[in-house]
Amino acid sequence: MSRKLNVLLIDDDATTNFLHKRTLNKTQLTRNIEVAETVQEALNYWKSPDYAEQDKPELIFLDLNLPGLTGWDFIDEYKKIESGNNNPPVIFILTASVNYDDEKKANGIAEIAGFRRKPLTVEMLDEIVKNYFSS
């Protein structure tokens, strides 16, 4: 893959974000990595007129258990904002949740490409790039 990706990490844990950014940087697959620690911060970033369309994330890793609004709330709001988007980002739930119902729910939502358990690994990224971003 020659093109670099814009990635958005939505997770409230600073250590997790540090480790996931390190993993992403190790792969050299990213052009830009943004971090949002709350759903509201992620939505503000997504709706910001300061970001040109080419700067929007192509890949989003979304935690479910966040303070205030949850990852599910993000998906609900995202659907309202992006209905009809011809070039939607690939969204993966990346969570520590072991609740099977979360995985089942995620698999039933068209906007969610997949459900993975933390931590993010190089192998996981390779698989995602191969399946969603190979030219």
Protein backbone atom coordinates (compact mmCIF):
# COMPACT_ATOMS: atom_id res chain seq x y z
CA MET A 1 0.00 0.00 0.00
CA SER A 2 1.50 3.32 -1.02
CA ARG A 3 -1.15 5.70 0.27
CA LYS A 4 -1.04 6.78 3.89
CA LEU A 5 -4.18 6.84 6.02
CA ASN A 6 -5.71 9.42 8.31
CA VAL A 7 -6.71 7.62 11.51
CA LEU A 8 -8.97 8.67 14.38
CA LEU A 9 -8.64 6.93 17.75
CA ILE A 10 -11.64 7.42 20.05
CA ASP A 11 -10.66 6.19 23.50
CA ASP A 12 -10.57 7.83 26.92
CA ASP A 13 -7.48 6.00 28.19
CA ALA A 14 -4.24 7.95 27.66
CA THR A 15 -2.02 4.88 28.01
CA THR A 16 -4.06 2.94 25.47
CA ASN A 17 -3.92 5.89 23.06
CA PHE A 18 -0.15 6.13 23.49
CA LEU A 19 0.31 2.42 22.77
CA HIS A 20 -2.06 2.43 19.82
CA LYS A 21 -0.36 5.49 18.31
CA ARG A 22 2.98 3.74 18.72
CA THR A 23 1.64 0.65 16.96
CA LEU A 24 0.21 2.75 14.13
CA ASN A 25 3.47 4.66 13.72
CA LYS A 26 5.43 1.41 13.68
CA THR A 27 3.54 0.27 10.58
CA GLN A 28 4.20 3.49 8.66
CA LEU A 29 0.67 3.24 7.27
CA THR A 30 -0.54 6.56 8.61
CA ARG A 31 -0.33 10.13 7.40
CA ASN A 32 -2.07 11.57 10.44
CA ILE A 33 -3.35 10.21 13.76
CA GLU A 34 -5.95 12.17 15.70
CA VAL A 35 -7.06 11.21 19.20
CA ALA A 36 -10.42 12.04 20.78
CA GLU A 37 -10.94 11.09 24.42
CA THR A 38 -14.71 11.61 24.38
CA VAL A 39 -17.48 11.12 21.87
CA GLN A 40 -18.22 14.85 21.92
CA GLU A 41 -14.59 15.62 21.07
CA ALA A 42 -14.72 13.13 18.18
CA LEU A 43 -17.97 14.61 16.86
CA ASN A 44 -16.59 18.15 17.12
CA TYR A 45 -13.53 17.05 15.15
CA TRP A 46 -15.67 15.28 12.56
CA LYS A 47 -17.97 18.28 12.05
CA SER A 48 -15.23 20.91 12.11
CA PRO A 49 -15.12 23.09 9.00
CA ASP A 50 -11.36 23.42 9.58
CA TYR A 51 -10.79 19.94 8.21
CA ALA A 52 -10.90 19.51 4.47
CA GLU A 53 -12.49 16.37 3.13
CA GLN A 54 -9.07 14.86 2.36
CA ASP A 55 -8.08 15.31 6.03
CA LYS A 56 -11.04 13.37 7.40
CA PRO A 57 -10.15 10.00 8.87
CA GLU A 58 -10.35 7.01 6.58
CA LEU A 59 -10.03 4.62 9.52
CA ILE A 60 -11.63 5.02 12.95
CA PHE A 61 -10.96 2.87 16.00
CA LEU A 62 -13.80 3.34 18.47
CA ASP A 63 -13.94 2.24 22.10
CA LEU A 64 -17.40 1.50 23.46
CA ASN A 65 -17.01 2.41 27.13
CA LEU A 66 -16.39 6.13 27.22
CA PRO A 67 -17.32 8.78 29.79
CA GLY A 68 -20.65 10.45 29.06
CA LEU A 69 -21.66 9.41 25.57
CA THR A 70 -20.66 5.87 24.59
CA GLY A 71 -19.26 4.42 21.39
CA TRP A 72 -22.82 3.43 20.47
CA ASP A 73 -23.86 7.08 20.83
CA PHE A 74 -21.03 8.05 18.47
CA ILE A 75 -22.35 5.62 15.85
CA ASP A 76 -25.89 7.03 16.20
CA GLU A 77 -24.65 10.61 15.77
CA TYR A 78 -22.27 9.64 12.98
CA LYS A 79 -25.19 8.12 11.03
CA LYS A 80 -27.04 11.45 11.22
CA ILE A 81 -24.02 13.48 10.09
CA GLU A 82 -22.78 11.20 7.35
CA SER A 83 -25.90 9.80 5.74
CA GLY A 84 -25.22 9.65 2.03
CA ASN A 85 -21.43 9.98 2.33
CA ASN A 86 -19.96 8.36 -0.78
CA ASN A 87 -16.59 7.78 0.86
CA PRO A 88 -17.27 6.77 4.48
CA PRO A 89 -14.46 5.84 6.85
CA VAL A 90 -13.85 2.26 7.89
CA ILE A 91 -14.97 2.02 11.52
CA PHE A 92 -13.73 -0.69 13.84
CA ILE A 93 -14.89 -1.16 17.40
CA LEU A 94 -11.70 -1.61 19.42
CA THR A 95 -12.64 -2.43 22.98
CA ALA A 96 -11.75 -4.35 26.10
CA SER A 97 -15.38 -5.47 26.40
CA VAL A 98 -15.86 -9.21 26.64
CA ASN A 99 -19.63 -8.85 26.40
CA TYR A 100 -20.80 -11.01 23.50
CA ASP A 101 -23.87 -8.77 23.11
CA ASP A 102 -21.57 -5.86 22.19
CA GLU A 103 -19.97 -7.89 19.42
CA LYS A 104 -23.36 -9.11 18.20
CA LYS A 105 -24.73 -5.56 18.17
CA ALA A 106 -21.67 -4.25 16.30
CA ASN A 107 -21.98 -6.97 13.68
CA GLY A 108 -25.54 -5.84 13.01
CA ILE A 109 -24.63 -2.22 12.24
CA ALA A 110 -23.73 -1.55 8.61
CA GLU A 111 -21.44 1.39 9.43
CA ILE A 112 -19.19 -0.82 11.59
CA ALA A 113 -16.64 -2.82 9.60
CA GLY A 114 -15.58 -5.03 12.48
CA PHE A 115 -15.20 -5.70 16.18
CA ARG A 116 -11.75 -6.24 17.71
CA ARG A 117 -10.49 -6.55 21.24
CA LYS A 118 -7.69 -4.36 22.55
CA PRO A 119 -4.83 -3.95 22.13
CA LEU A 120 -4.34 -2.88 18.54
CA THR A 121 -1.62 -5.01 16.94
CA VAL A 122 0.47 -4.76 13.79
CA GLU A 123 -1.14 -8.00 12.58
CA MET A 124 -4.60 -6.52 13.10
CA LEU A 125 -3.62 -3.43 11.11
CA ASP A 126 -2.13 -5.51 8.31
CA GLU A 127 -5.39 -7.46 8.04
CA ILE A 128 -7.50 -4.28 8.01
CA VAL A 129 -5.33 -2.62 5.37
CA LYS A 130 -5.36 -5.75 3.22
CA ASN A 131 -9.15 -6.08 3.44
CA TYR A 132 -10.18 -2.42 3.18
CA PHE A 133 -7.38 -0.32 1.71
CA SER A 134 -5.46 -2.35 -0.86
CA SER A 135 -5.54 -0.78 -4.28
